[in-house]
Amino acid sequence: MDDRKILKLVGARIKVLRKEKGLSQEALGEKGGFHFTYIGQIERGEKNVALINLGKIAEALEVNVSQLFAYVSDEIEFTETDIMIQEIVDMLREASSNKIRLSRNIIRELLNESKDD
């Protein structure tokens, strides 16, 4: 993959997550300890951001670092549904096996109910 492309993909993903959280570049910068111009440069793919800084950005966005890499293509916009599904997956990754089983059963029941409607 072209170096610039991965920077743009990660930057675009950060921008999508930031907007979903209702944060400005300035607000995200404040939460993460960065200047807002640095956030803008990252979002435009102009900066090769360090892993430590990606961790700080993820923390400021209240997401797992893996979500910053959850892009599919630079041509695909992430829908609100895509982001909610990813949030559910992230929550399940941190849950106990008992809670995962319970969640699976609840989801099955909800989806089965909707088929009956």
PDB file of N, CA and C in Angstrom:
ATOM      1  N   MET A   1       0.849  -1.181   0.000  1.00  0.00           N
ATOM      2  CA  MET A   1       0.000   0.000   0.000  1.00  0.00           C
ATOM      3  C   MET A   1       0.889   1.237   0.000  1.00  0.00           C
ATOM      4  N   ASP A   2       0.509   2.204  -0.780  1.00  0.00           N
ATOM      5  CA  ASP A   2       1.215   3.480  -0.864  1.00  0.00           C
ATOM      6  C   ASP A   2       1.205   4.165   0.510  1.00  0.00           C
ATOM      7  N   ASP A   3       2.364   4.676   0.927  1.00  0.00           N
ATOM      8  CA  ASP A   3       2.485   5.324   2.245  1.00  0.00           C
ATOM      9  C   ASP A   3       1.437   6.423   2.439  1.00  0.00           C
ATOM     10  N   ARG A   4       1.249   7.238   1.424  1.00  0.00           N
ATOM     11  CA  ARG A   4       0.301   8.359   1.547  1.00  0.00           C
ATOM     12  C   ARG A   4      -1.133   7.852   1.700  1.00  0.00           C
ATOM     13  N   LYS A   5      -1.428   6.742   1.040  1.00  0.00           N
ATOM     14  CA  LYS A   5      -2.795   6.230   1.088  1.00  0.00           C
ATOM     15  C   LYS A   5      -3.174   5.806   2.506  1.00  0.00           C
ATOM     16  N   ILE A   6      -2.295   5.107   3.184  1.00  0.00           N
ATOM     17  CA  ILE A   6      -2.630   4.667   4.548  1.00  0.00           C
ATOM     18  C   ILE A   6      -2.775   5.870   5.479  1.00  0.00           C
ATOM     19  N   LEU A   7      -1.959   6.892   5.283  1.00  0.00           N
ATOM     20  CA  LEU A   7      -2.102   8.104   6.100  1.00  0.00           C
ATOM     21  C   LEU A   7      -3.463   8.746   5.857  1.00  0.00           C
ATOM     22  N   LYS A   8      -3.888   8.780   4.599  1.00  0.00           N
ATOM     23  CA  LYS A   8      -5.186   9.379   4.274  1.00  0.00           C
ATOM     24  C   LYS A   8      -6.342   8.539   4.807  1.00  0.00           C
ATOM     25  N   LEU A   9      -6.216   7.215   4.722  1.00  0.00           N
ATOM     26  CA  LEU A   9      -7.275   6.345   5.225  1.00  0.00           C
ATOM     27  C   LEU A   9      -7.452   6.475   6.734  1.00  0.00           C
ATOM     28  N   VAL A  10      -6.342   6.454   7.464  1.00  0.00           N
ATOM     29  CA  VAL A  10      -6.418   6.597   8.925  1.00  0.00           C
ATOM     30  C   VAL A  10      -6.920   7.992   9.284  1.00  0.00           C
ATOM     31  N   GLY A  11      -6.434   8.993   8.592  1.00  0.00           N
ATOM     32  CA  GLY A  11      -6.889  10.358   8.839  1.00  0.00           C
ATOM     33  C   GLY A  11      -8.381  10.518   8.594  1.00  0.00           C
ATOM     34  N   ALA A  12      -8.857   9.927   7.499  1.00  0.00           N
ATOM     35  CA  ALA A  12     -10.287  10.003   7.188  1.00  0.00           C
ATOM     36  C   ALA A  12     -11.110   9.286   8.250  1.00  0.00           C
ATOM     37  N   ARG A  13     -10.593   8.174   8.741  1.00  0.00           N
ATOM     38  CA  ARG A  13     -11.305   7.422   9.777  1.00  0.00           C
ATOM     39  C   ARG A  13     -11.383   8.222  11.076  1.00  0.00           C
ATOM     40  N   ILE A  14     -10.288   8.883  11.425  1.00  0.00           N
ATOM     41  CA  ILE A  14     -10.293   9.740  12.620  1.00  0.00           C
ATOM     42  C   ILE A  14     -11.320  10.845  12.460  1.00  0.00           C
ATOM     43  N   LYS A  15     -11.381  11.417  11.275  1.00  0.00           N
ATOM     44  CA  LYS A  15     -12.341  12.497  11.012  1.00  0.00           C
ATOM     45  C   LYS A  15     -13.779  11.996  11.172  1.00  0.00           C
ATOM     46  N   VAL A  16     -14.073  10.811  10.620  1.00  0.00           N
ATOM     47  CA  VAL A  16     -15.415  10.244  10.747  1.00  0.00           C
ATOM     48  C   VAL A  16     -15.770  10.028  12.212  1.00  0.00           C
ATOM     49  N   LEU A  17     -14.860   9.420  12.967  1.00  0.00           N
ATOM     50  CA  LEU A  17     -15.109   9.174  14.387  1.00  0.00           C
ATOM     51  C   LEU A  17     -15.265  10.474  15.161  1.00  0.00           C
ATOM     52  N   ARG A  18     -14.436  11.458  14.844  1.00  0.00           N
ATOM     53  CA  ARG A  18     -14.522  12.762  15.526  1.00  0.00           C
ATOM     54  C   ARG A  18     -15.886  13.392  15.289  1.00  0.00           C
ATOM     55  N   LYS A  19     -16.333  13.374  14.046  1.00  0.00           N
ATOM     56  CA  LYS A  19     -17.635  13.971  13.724  1.00  0.00           C
ATOM     57  C   LYS A  19     -18.779  13.204  14.377  1.00  0.00           C
ATOM     58  N   GLU A  20     -18.651  11.863  14.418  1.00  0.00           N
ATOM     59  CA  GLU A  20     -19.680  11.050  15.077  1.00  0.00           C
ATOM     60  C   GLU A  20     -19.791  11.408  16.555  1.00  0.00           C
ATOM     61  N   LYS A  21     -18.684  11.773  17.169  1.00  0.00           N
ATOM     62  CA  LYS A  21     -18.678  12.154  18.586  1.00  0.00           C
ATOM     63  C   LYS A  21     -19.079  13.615  18.785  1.00  0.00           C
ATOM     64  N   GLY A  22     -19.283  14.330  17.673  1.00  0.00           N
ATOM     65  CA  GLY A  22     -19.680  15.735  17.753  1.00  0.00           C
ATOM     66  C   GLY A  22     -18.567  16.650  18.212  1.00  0.00           C
ATOM     67  N   LEU A  23     -17.326  16.279  17.927  1.00  0.00           N
ATOM     68  CA  LEU A  23     -16.175  17.070  18.361  1.00  0.00           C
ATOM     69  C   LEU A  23     -15.614  17.888  17.203  1.00  0.00           C
ATOM     70  N   SER A  24     -15.166  19.079  17.511  1.00  0.00           N
ATOM     71  CA  SER A  24     -14.410  19.869  16.548  1.00  0.00           C
ATOM     72  C   SER A  24     -12.956  19.404  16.600  1.00  0.00           C
ATOM     73  N   GLN A  25     -12.170  19.832  15.631  1.00  0.00           N
ATOM     74  CA  GLN A  25     -10.740  19.505  15.674  1.00  0.00           C
ATOM     75  C   GLN A  25     -10.112  20.101  16.929  1.00  0.00           C
ATOM     76  N   GLU A  26     -10.555  21.261  17.287  1.00  0.00           N
ATOM     77  CA  GLU A  26     -10.021  21.921  18.492  1.00  0.00           C
ATOM     78  C   GLU A  26     -10.372  21.120  19.749  1.00  0.00           C
ATOM     79  N   ALA A  27     -11.624  20.666  19.836  1.00  0.00           N
ATOM     80  CA  ALA A  27     -12.045  19.903  21.023  1.00  0.00           C
ATOM     81  C   ALA A  27     -11.293  18.573  21.108  1.00  0.00           C
ATOM     82  N   LEU A  28     -11.126  17.902  19.977  1.00  0.00           N
ATOM     83  CA  LEU A  28     -10.374  16.653  19.970  1.00  0.00           C
ATOM     84  C   LEU A  28      -8.921  16.909  20.357  1.00  0.00           C
ATOM     85  N   GLY A  29      -8.355  17.980  19.830  1.00  0.00           N
ATOM     86  CA  GLY A  29      -6.981  18.337  20.174  1.00  0.00           C
ATOM     87  C   GLY A  29      -6.820  18.570  21.668  1.00  0.00           C
ATOM     88  N   GLU A  30      -7.760  19.294  22.256  1.00  0.00           N
ATOM     89  CA  GLU A  30      -7.705  19.550  23.698  1.00  0.00           C
ATOM     90  C   GLU A  30      -7.776  18.254  24.505  1.00  0.00           C
ATOM     91  N   LYS A  31      -8.708  17.372  24.134  1.00  0.00           N
ATOM     92  CA  LYS A  31      -8.871  16.109  24.860  1.00  0.00           C
ATOM     93  C   LYS A  31      -7.627  15.229  24.745  1.00  0.00           C
ATOM     94  N   GLY A  32      -6.959  15.289  23.593  1.00  0.00           N
ATOM     95  CA  GLY A  32      -5.805  14.432  23.374  1.00  0.00           C
ATOM     96  C   GLY A  32      -4.475  15.080  23.695  1.00  0.00           C
ATOM     97  N   GLY A  33      -4.490  16.381  23.957  1.00  0.00           N
ATOM     98  CA  GLY A  33      -3.255  17.098  24.267  1.00  0.00           C
ATOM     99  C   GLY A  33      -2.493  17.565  23.030  1.00  0.00           C
ATOM    100  N   PHE A  34      -3.233  17.845  21.948  1.00  0.00           N
ATOM    101  CA  PHE A  34      -2.617  18.285  20.695  1.00  0.00           C
ATOM    102  C   PHE A  34      -3.182  19.629  20.263  1.00  0.00           C
ATOM    103  N   HIS A  35      -2.451  20.301  19.393  1.00  0.00           N
ATOM    104  CA  HIS A  35      -2.953  21.522  18.776  1.00  0.00           C
ATOM    105  C   HIS A  35      -3.909  21.132  17.667  1.00  0.00           C
ATOM    106  N   PHE A  36      -4.972  21.926  17.475  1.00  0.00           N
ATOM    107  CA  PHE A  36      -5.984  21.562  16.484  1.00  0.00           C
ATOM    108  C   PHE A  36      -5.420  21.499  15.068  1.00  0.00           C
ATOM    109  N   THR A  37      -4.366  22.255  14.788  1.00  0.00           N
ATOM    110  CA  THR A  37      -3.784  22.192  13.438  1.00  0.00           C
ATOM    111  C   THR A  37      -3.131  20.831  13.194  1.00  0.00           C
ATOM    112  N   TYR A  38      -2.598  20.222  14.247  1.00  0.00           N
ATOM    113  CA  TYR A  38      -2.010  18.890  14.136  1.00  0.00           C
ATOM    114  C   TYR A  38      -3.098  17.868  13.811  1.00  0.00           C
ATOM    115  N   ILE A  39      -4.258  17.994  14.457  1.00  0.00           N
ATOM    116  CA  ILE A  39      -5.388  17.106  14.175  1.00  0.00           C
ATOM    117  C   ILE A  39      -5.801  17.258  12.714  1.00  0.00           C
ATOM    118  N   GLY A  40      -5.872  18.477  12.229  1.00  0.00           N
ATOM    119  CA  GLY A  40      -6.222  18.718  10.826  1.00  0.00           C
ATOM    120  C   GLY A  40      -5.223  18.089   9.872  1.00  0.00           C
ATOM    121  N   GLN A  41      -3.949  18.196  10.195  1.00  0.00           N
ATOM    122  CA  GLN A  41      -2.913  17.604   9.353  1.00  0.00           C
ATOM    123  C   GLN A  41      -3.030  16.079   9.327  1.00  0.00           C
ATOM    124  N   ILE A  42      -3.350  15.486  10.463  1.00  0.00           N
ATOM    125  CA  ILE A  42      -3.538  14.029  10.531  1.00  0.00           C
ATOM    126  C   ILE A  42      -4.744  13.632   9.680  1.00  0.00           C
ATOM    127  N   GLU A  43      -5.849  14.346   9.843  1.00  0.00           N
ATOM    128  CA  GLU A  43      -7.065  14.018   9.115  1.00  0.00           C
ATOM    129  C   GLU A  43      -6.882  14.153   7.600  1.00  0.00           C
ATOM    130  N   ARG A  44      -6.035  15.040   7.165  1.00  0.00           N
ATOM    131  CA  ARG A  44      -5.776  15.220   5.727  1.00  0.00           C
ATOM    132  C   ARG A  44      -4.684  14.289   5.209  1.00  0.00           C
ATOM    133  N   GLY A  45      -4.100  13.492   6.111  1.00  0.00           N
ATOM    134  CA  GLY A  45      -3.053  12.565   5.712  1.00  0.00           C
ATOM    135  C   GLY A  45      -1.718  13.225   5.465  1.00  0.00           C
ATOM    136  N   GLU A  46      -1.507  14.379   6.076  1.00  0.00           N
ATOM    137  CA  GLU A  46      -0.259  15.127   5.888  1.00  0.00           C
ATOM    138  C   GLU A  46       0.806  14.774   6.922  1.00  0.00           C
ATOM    139  N   LYS A  47       0.397  14.183   8.018  1.00  0.00           N
ATOM    140  CA  LYS A  47       1.338  13.832   9.093  1.00  0.00           C
ATOM    141  C   LYS A  47       1.399  12.328   9.278  1.00  0.00           C
ATOM    142  N   ASN A  48       2.605  11.819   9.454  1.00  0.00           N
ATOM    143  CA  ASN A  48       2.801  10.416   9.791  1.00  0.00           C
ATOM    144  C   ASN A  48       2.770  10.339  11.312  1.00  0.00           C
ATOM    145  N   VAL A  49       1.605  10.077  11.840  1.00  0.00           N
ATOM    146  CA  VAL A  49       1.365  10.153  13.273  1.00  0.00           C
ATOM    147  C   VAL A  49       1.985   8.948  13.989  1.00  0.00           C
ATOM    148  N   ALA A  50       2.612   9.198  15.117  1.00  0.00           N
ATOM    149  CA  ALA A  50       3.242   8.144  15.920  1.00  0.00           C
ATOM    150  C   ALA A  50       2.175   7.277  16.579  1.00  0.00           C
ATOM    151  N   LEU A  51       2.517   6.033  16.824  1.00  0.00           N
ATOM    152  CA  LEU A  51       1.577   5.104  17.467  1.00  0.00           C
ATOM    153  C   LEU A  51       1.119   5.609  18.831  1.00  0.00           C
ATOM    154  N   ILE A  52       2.021   6.195  19.573  1.00  0.00           N
ATOM    155  CA  ILE A  52       1.656   6.738  20.891  1.00  0.00           C
ATOM    156  C   ILE A  52       0.592   7.818  20.727  1.00  0.00           C
ATOM    157  N   ASN A  53       0.756   8.659  19.716  1.00  0.00           N
ATOM    158  CA  ASN A  53      -0.232   9.709  19.472  1.00  0.00           C
ATOM    159  C   ASN A  53      -1.555   9.127  18.983  1.00  0.00           C
ATOM    160  N   LEU A  54      -1.505   8.048  18.207  1.00  0.00           N
ATOM    161  CA  LEU A  54      -2.749   7.381  17.806  1.00  0.00           C
ATOM    162  C   LEU A  54      -3.482   6.856  19.036  1.00  0.00           C
ATOM    163  N   GLY A  55      -2.731   6.341  19.991  1.00  0.00           N
ATOM    164  CA  GLY A  55      -3.337   5.884  21.239  1.00  0.00           C
ATOM    165  C   GLY A  55      -4.022   7.015  21.984  1.00  0.00           C
ATOM    166  N   LYS A  56      -3.383   8.167  22.019  1.00  0.00           N
ATOM    167  CA  LYS A  56      -3.973   9.333  22.693  1.00  0.00           C
ATOM    168  C   LYS A  56      -5.228   9.812  21.965  1.00  0.00           C
ATOM    169  N   ILE A  57      -5.172   9.787  20.638  1.00  0.00           N
ATOM    170  CA  ILE A  57      -6.340  10.203  19.844  1.00  0.00           C
ATOM    171  C   ILE A  57      -7.489   9.223  20.073  1.00  0.00           C
ATOM    172  N   ALA A  58      -7.203   7.927  20.054  1.00  0.00           N
ATOM    173  CA  ALA A  58      -8.242   6.918  20.300  1.00  0.00           C
ATOM    174  C   ALA A  58      -8.862   7.125  21.682  1.00  0.00           C
ATOM    175  N   GLU A  59      -8.023   7.368  22.666  1.00  0.00           N
ATOM    176  CA  GLU A  59      -8.530   7.607  24.021  1.00  0.00           C
ATOM    177  C   GLU A  59      -9.416   8.855  24.061  1.00  0.00           C
ATOM    178  N   ALA A  60      -8.990   9.902  23.385  1.00  0.00           N
ATOM    179  CA  ALA A  60      -9.784  11.137  23.351  1.00  0.00           C
ATOM    180  C   ALA A  60     -11.118  10.913  22.630  1.00  0.00           C
ATOM    181  N   LEU A  61     -11.124  10.023  21.648  1.00  0.00           N
ATOM    182  CA  LEU A  61     -12.356   9.702  20.921  1.00  0.00           C
ATOM    183  C   LEU A  61     -13.188   8.635  21.642  1.00  0.00           C
ATOM    184  N   GLU A  62     -12.615   8.077  22.717  1.00  0.00           N
ATOM    185  CA  GLU A  62     -13.264   7.028  23.505  1.00  0.00           C
ATOM    186  C   GLU A  62     -13.561   5.796  22.649  1.00  0.00           C
ATOM    187  N   VAL A  63     -12.547   5.391  21.859  1.00  0.00           N
ATOM    188  CA  VAL A  63     -12.632   4.182  21.031  1.00  0.00           C
ATOM    189  C   VAL A  63     -11.351   3.385  21.218  1.00  0.00           C
ATOM    190  N   ASN A  64     -11.368   2.147  20.778  1.00  0.00           N
ATOM    191  CA  ASN A  64     -10.153   1.337  20.778  1.00  0.00           C
ATOM    192  C   ASN A  64      -9.278   1.757  19.606  1.00  0.00           C
ATOM    193  N   VAL A  65      -7.991   1.609  19.753  1.00  0.00           N
ATOM    194  CA  VAL A  65      -7.058   1.968  18.680  1.00  0.00           C
ATOM    195  C   VAL A  65      -7.426   1.234  17.392  1.00  0.00           C
ATOM    196  N   SER A  66      -7.887   0.004  17.527  1.00  0.00           N
ATOM    197  CA  SER A  66      -8.233  -0.778  16.339  1.00  0.00           C
ATOM    198  C   SER A  66      -9.294  -0.094  15.488  1.00  0.00           C
ATOM    199  N   GLN A  67     -10.150   0.693  16.106  1.00  0.00           N
ATOM    200  CA  GLN A  67     -11.183   1.391  15.347  1.00  0.00           C
ATOM    201  C   GLN A  67     -10.597   2.443  14.412  1.00  0.00           C
ATOM    202  N   LEU A  68      -9.402   2.921  14.709  1.00  0.00           N
ATOM    203  CA  LEU A  68      -8.778   3.902  13.820  1.00  0.00           C
ATOM    204  C   LEU A  68      -8.341   3.257  12.520  1.00  0.00           C
ATOM    205  N   PHE A  69      -8.253   1.933  12.527  1.00  0.00           N
ATOM    206  CA  PHE A  69      -7.832   1.189  11.334  1.00  0.00           C
ATOM    207  C   PHE A  69      -8.990   0.407  10.730  1.00  0.00           C
ATOM    208  N   ALA A  70     -10.199   0.688  11.151  1.00  0.00           N
ATOM    209  CA  ALA A  70     -11.371  -0.069  10.709  1.00  0.00           C
ATOM    210  C   ALA A  70     -11.969   0.500   9.429  1.00  0.00           C
ATOM    211  N   TYR A  71     -11.129   0.993   8.552  1.00  0.00           N
ATOM    212  CA  TYR A  71     -11.609   1.511   7.278  1.00  0.00           C
ATOM    213  C   TYR A  71     -11.694   0.374   6.275  1.00  0.00           C
ATOM    214  N   VAL A  72     -12.526   0.553   5.264  1.00  0.00           N
ATOM    215  CA  VAL A  72     -12.653  -0.438   4.210  1.00  0.00           C
ATOM    216  C   VAL A  72     -11.970   0.085   2.960  1.00  0.00           C
ATOM    217  N   SER A  73     -12.291   1.284   2.601  1.00  0.00           N
ATOM    218  CA  SER A  73     -11.730   1.899   1.402  1.00  0.00           C
ATOM    219  C   SER A  73     -11.887   3.399   1.536  1.00  0.00           C
ATOM    220  N   ASP A  74     -11.021   4.128   0.857  1.00  0.00           N
ATOM    221  CA  ASP A  74     -11.145   5.585   0.907  1.00  0.00           C
ATOM    222  C   ASP A  74     -12.341   6.068   0.112  1.00  0.00           C
ATOM    223  N   GLU A  75     -13.001   5.176  -0.623  1.00  0.00           N
ATOM    224  CA  GLU A  75     -14.160   5.558  -1.424  1.00  0.00           C
ATOM    225  C   GLU A  75     -15.466   5.268  -0.702  1.00  0.00           C
ATOM    226  N   ILE A  76     -15.405   4.593   0.441  1.00  0.00           N
ATOM    227  CA  ILE A  76     -16.612   4.204   1.162  1.00  0.00           C
ATOM    228  C   ILE A  76     -16.787   5.095   2.375  1.00  0.00           C
ATOM    229  N   GLU A  77     -17.960   5.682   2.493  1.00  0.00           N
ATOM    230  CA  GLU A  77     -18.298   6.479   3.668  1.00  0.00           C
ATOM    231  C   GLU A  77     -18.796   5.532   4.756  1.00  0.00           C
ATOM    232  N   PHE A  78     -18.424   5.778   5.982  1.00  0.00           N
ATOM    233  CA  PHE A  78     -18.905   4.971   7.079  1.00  0.00           C
ATOM    234  C   PHE A  78     -20.263   5.490   7.506  1.00  0.00           C
ATOM    235  N   THR A  79     -21.244   4.603   7.550  1.00  0.00           N
ATOM    236  CA  THR A  79     -22.578   4.993   7.982  1.00  0.00           C
ATOM    237  C   THR A  79     -22.645   4.937   9.500  1.00  0.00           C
ATOM    238  N   GLU A  80     -23.681   5.502  10.031  1.00  0.00           N
ATOM    239  CA  GLU A  80     -23.885   5.452  11.481  1.00  0.00           C
ATOM    240  C   GLU A  80     -24.034   3.995  11.925  1.00  0.00           C
ATOM    241  N   THR A  81     -24.687   3.181  11.087  1.00  0.00           N
ATOM    242  CA  THR A  81     -24.857   1.763  11.391  1.00  0.00           C
ATOM    243  C   THR A  81     -23.512   1.051  11.459  1.00  0.00           C
ATOM    244  N   ASP A  82     -22.611   1.328  10.497  1.00  0.00           N
ATOM    245  CA  ASP A  82     -21.281   0.724  10.500  1.00  0.00           C
ATOM    246  C   ASP A  82     -20.556   1.032  11.805  1.00  0.00           C
ATOM    247  N   ILE A  83     -20.646   2.251  12.225  1.00  0.00           N
ATOM    248  CA  ILE A  83     -19.944   2.684  13.432  1.00  0.00           C
ATOM    249  C   ILE A  83     -20.561   2.034  14.673  1.00  0.00           C
ATOM    250  N   MET A  84     -21.895   1.925  14.697  1.00  0.00           N
ATOM    251  CA  MET A  84     -22.543   1.282  15.848  1.00  0.00           C
ATOM    252  C   MET A  84     -22.165  -0.194  15.926  1.00  0.00           C
ATOM    253  N   ILE A  85     -22.113  -0.869  14.785  1.00  0.00           N
ATOM    254  CA  ILE A  85     -21.717  -2.282  14.773  1.00  0.00           C
ATOM    255  C   ILE A  85     -20.298  -2.431  15.295  1.00  0.00           C
ATOM    256  N   GLN A  86     -19.406  -1.551  14.858  1.00  0.00           N
ATOM    257  CA  GLN A  86     -18.024  -1.619  15.323  1.00  0.00           C
ATOM    258  C   GLN A  86     -17.941  -1.366  16.830  1.00  0.00           C
ATOM    259  N   GLU A  87     -18.772  -0.447  17.344  1.00  0.00           N
ATOM    260  CA  GLU A  87     -18.785  -0.185  18.783  1.00  0.00           C
ATOM    261  C   GLU A  87     -19.240  -1.427  19.554  1.00  0.00           C
ATOM    262  N   ILE A  88     -20.256  -2.133  19.021  1.00  0.00           N
ATOM    263  CA  ILE A  88     -20.736  -3.353  19.668  1.00  0.00           C
ATOM    264  C   ILE A  88     -19.633  -4.403  19.687  1.00  0.00           C
ATOM    265  N   VAL A  89     -18.963  -4.568  18.554  1.00  0.00           N
ATOM    266  CA  VAL A  89     -17.861  -5.535  18.483  1.00  0.00           C
ATOM    267  C   VAL A  89     -16.781  -5.181  19.500  1.00  0.00           C
ATOM    268  N   ASP A  90     -16.437  -3.920  19.600  1.00  0.00           N
ATOM    269  CA  ASP A  90     -15.409  -3.494  20.556  1.00  0.00           C
ATOM    270  C   ASP A  90     -15.836  -3.768  22.001  1.00  0.00           C
ATOM    271  N   MET A  91     -17.109  -3.534  22.303  1.00  0.00           N
ATOM    272  CA  MET A  91     -17.589  -3.823  23.655  1.00  0.00           C
ATOM    273  C   MET A  91     -17.514  -5.314  23.948  1.00  0.00           C
ATOM    274  N   LEU A  92     -17.897  -6.133  22.970  1.00  0.00           N
ATOM    275  CA  LEU A  92     -17.872  -7.584  23.163  1.00  0.00           C
ATOM    276  C   LEU A  92     -16.459  -8.107  23.346  1.00  0.00           C
ATOM    277  N   ARG A  93     -15.492  -7.500  22.687  1.00  0.00           N
ATOM    278  CA  ARG A  93     -14.096  -7.933  22.832  1.00  0.00           C
ATOM    279  C   ARG A  93     -13.606  -7.782  24.262  1.00  0.00           C
ATOM    280  N   GLU A  94     -14.187  -6.857  24.992  1.00  0.00           N
ATOM    281  CA  GLU A  94     -13.756  -6.596  26.359  1.00  0.00           C
ATOM    282  C   GLU A  94     -14.616  -7.327  27.389  1.00  0.00           C
ATOM    283  N   ALA A  95     -15.663  -8.018  26.917  1.00  0.00           N
ATOM    284  CA  ALA A  95     -16.604  -8.669  27.829  1.00  0.00           C
ATOM    285  C   ALA A  95     -16.164 -10.102  28.149  1.00  0.00           C
ATOM    286  N   SER A  96     -16.722 -10.629  29.231  1.00  0.00           N
ATOM    287  CA  SER A  96     -16.459 -12.026  29.608  1.00  0.00           C
ATOM    288  C   SER A  96     -17.205 -12.953  28.647  1.00  0.00           C
ATOM    289  N   SER A  97     -16.811 -14.206  28.620  1.00  0.00           N
ATOM    290  CA  SER A  97     -17.461 -15.165  27.714  1.00  0.00           C
ATOM    291  C   SER A  97     -18.938 -15.337  28.075  1.00  0.00           C
ATOM    292  N   ASN A  98     -19.280 -15.264  29.359  1.00  0.00           N
ATOM    293  CA  ASN A  98     -20.687 -15.370  29.764  1.00  0.00           C
ATOM    294  C   ASN A  98     -21.505 -14.202  29.220  1.00  0.00           C
ATOM    295  N   LYS A  99     -20.956 -13.008  29.285  1.00  0.00           N
ATOM    296  CA  LYS A  99     -21.668 -11.837  28.772  1.00  0.00           C
ATOM    297  C   LYS A  99     -21.764 -11.881  27.247  1.00  0.00           C
ATOM    298  N   ILE A 100     -20.771 -12.432  26.600  1.00  0.00           N
ATOM    299  CA  ILE A 100     -20.814 -12.564  25.136  1.00  0.00           C
ATOM    300  C   ILE A 100     -21.934 -13.525  24.752  1.00  0.00           C
ATOM    301  N   ARG A 101     -22.039 -14.677  25.451  1.00  0.00           N
ATOM    302  CA  ARG A 101     -23.108 -15.644  25.180  1.00  0.00           C
ATOM    303  C   ARG A 101     -24.485 -15.011  25.400  1.00  0.00           C
ATOM    304  N   LEU A 102     -24.621 -14.292  26.508  1.00  0.00           N
ATOM    305  CA  LEU A 102     -25.883 -13.624  26.808  1.00  0.00           C
ATOM    306  C   LEU A 102     -26.223 -12.602  25.721  1.00  0.00           C
ATOM    307  N   SER A 103     -25.241 -11.828  25.306  1.00  0.00           N
ATOM    308  CA  SER A 103     -25.455 -10.828  24.252  1.00  0.00           C
ATOM    309  C   SER A 103     -25.890 -11.489  22.952  1.00  0.00           C
ATOM    310  N   ARG A 104     -25.229 -12.614  22.613  1.00  0.00           N
ATOM    311  CA  ARG A 104     -25.581 -13.343  21.389  1.00  0.00           C
ATOM    312  C   ARG A 104     -27.037 -13.800  21.447  1.00  0.00           C
ATOM    313  N   ASN A 105     -27.443 -14.338  22.591  1.00  0.00           N
ATOM    314  CA  ASN A 105     -28.815 -14.828  22.736  1.00  0.00           C
ATOM    315  C   ASN A 105     -29.830 -13.689  22.648  1.00  0.00           C
ATOM    316  N   ILE A 106     -29.506 -12.566  23.242  1.00  0.00           N
ATOM    317  CA  ILE A 106     -30.402 -11.404  23.189  1.00  0.00           C
ATOM    318  C   ILE A 106     -30.535 -10.917  21.750  1.00  0.00           C
ATOM    319  N   ILE A 107     -29.426 -10.845  21.044  1.00  0.00           N
ATOM    320  CA  ILE A 107     -29.461 -10.382  19.652  1.00  0.00           C
ATOM    321  C   ILE A 107     -30.271 -11.352  18.790  1.00  0.00           C
ATOM    322  N   ARG A 108     -30.062 -12.645  18.997  1.00  0.00           N
ATOM    323  CA  ARG A 108     -30.854 -13.642  18.247  1.00  0.00           C
ATOM    324  C   ARG A 108     -32.345 -13.442  18.480  1.00  0.00           C
ATOM    325  N   GLU A 109     -32.720 -13.254  19.738  1.00  0.00           N
ATOM    326  CA  GLU A 109     -34.138 -13.057  20.058  1.00  0.00           C
ATOM    327  C   GLU A 109     -34.676 -11.786  19.409  1.00  0.00           C
ATOM    328  N   LEU A 110     -33.926 -10.723  19.497  1.00  0.00           N
ATOM    329  CA  LEU A 110     -34.364  -9.461  18.880  1.00  0.00           C
ATOM    330  C   LEU A 110     -34.541  -9.602  17.373  1.00  0.00           C
ATOM    331  N   LEU A 111     -33.592 -10.269  16.734  1.00  0.00           N
ATOM    332  CA  LEU A 111     -33.675 -10.435  15.278  1.00  0.00           C
ATOM    333  C   LEU A 111     -34.794 -11.396  14.888  1.00  0.00           C
ATOM    334  N   ASN A 112     -35.026 -12.429  15.691  1.00  0.00           N
ATOM    335  CA  ASN A 112     -36.130 -13.345  15.417  1.00  0.00           C
ATOM    336  C   ASN A 112     -37.484 -12.656  15.580  1.00  0.00           C
ATOM    337  N   GLU A 113     -37.586 -11.772  16.587  1.00  0.00           N
ATOM    338  CA  GLU A 113     -38.817 -11.010  16.800  1.00  0.00           C
ATOM    339  C   GLU A 113     -39.112 -10.138  15.608  1.00  0.00           C
ATOM    340  N   SER A 114     -38.074  -9.482  15.066  1.00  0.00           N
ATOM    341  CA  SER A 114     -38.284  -8.561  13.948  1.00  0.00           C
ATOM    342  C   SER A 114     -38.730  -9.298  12.696  1.00  0.00           C
ATOM    343  N   LYS A 115     -38.366 -10.596  12.547  1.00  0.00           N
ATOM    344  CA  LYS A 115     -38.818 -11.382  11.395  1.00  0.00           C
ATOM    345  C   LYS A 115     -40.319 -11.651  11.487  1.00  0.00           C
ATOM    346  N   ASP A 116     -40.812 -11.743  12.729  1.00  0.00           N
ATOM    347  CA  ASP A 116     -42.240 -12.031  12.938  1.00  0.00           C
ATOM    348  C   ASP A 116     -43.098 -10.791  12.678  1.00  0.00           C
ATOM    349  N   ASP A 117     -42.505  -9.614  12.757  1.00  0.00           N
ATOM    350  CA  ASP A 117     -43.270  -8.366  12.591  1.00  0.00           C
ATOM    351  C   ASP A 117     -43.677  -8.124  11.159  1.00  0.00           C
TER     352      ASP A 117
END
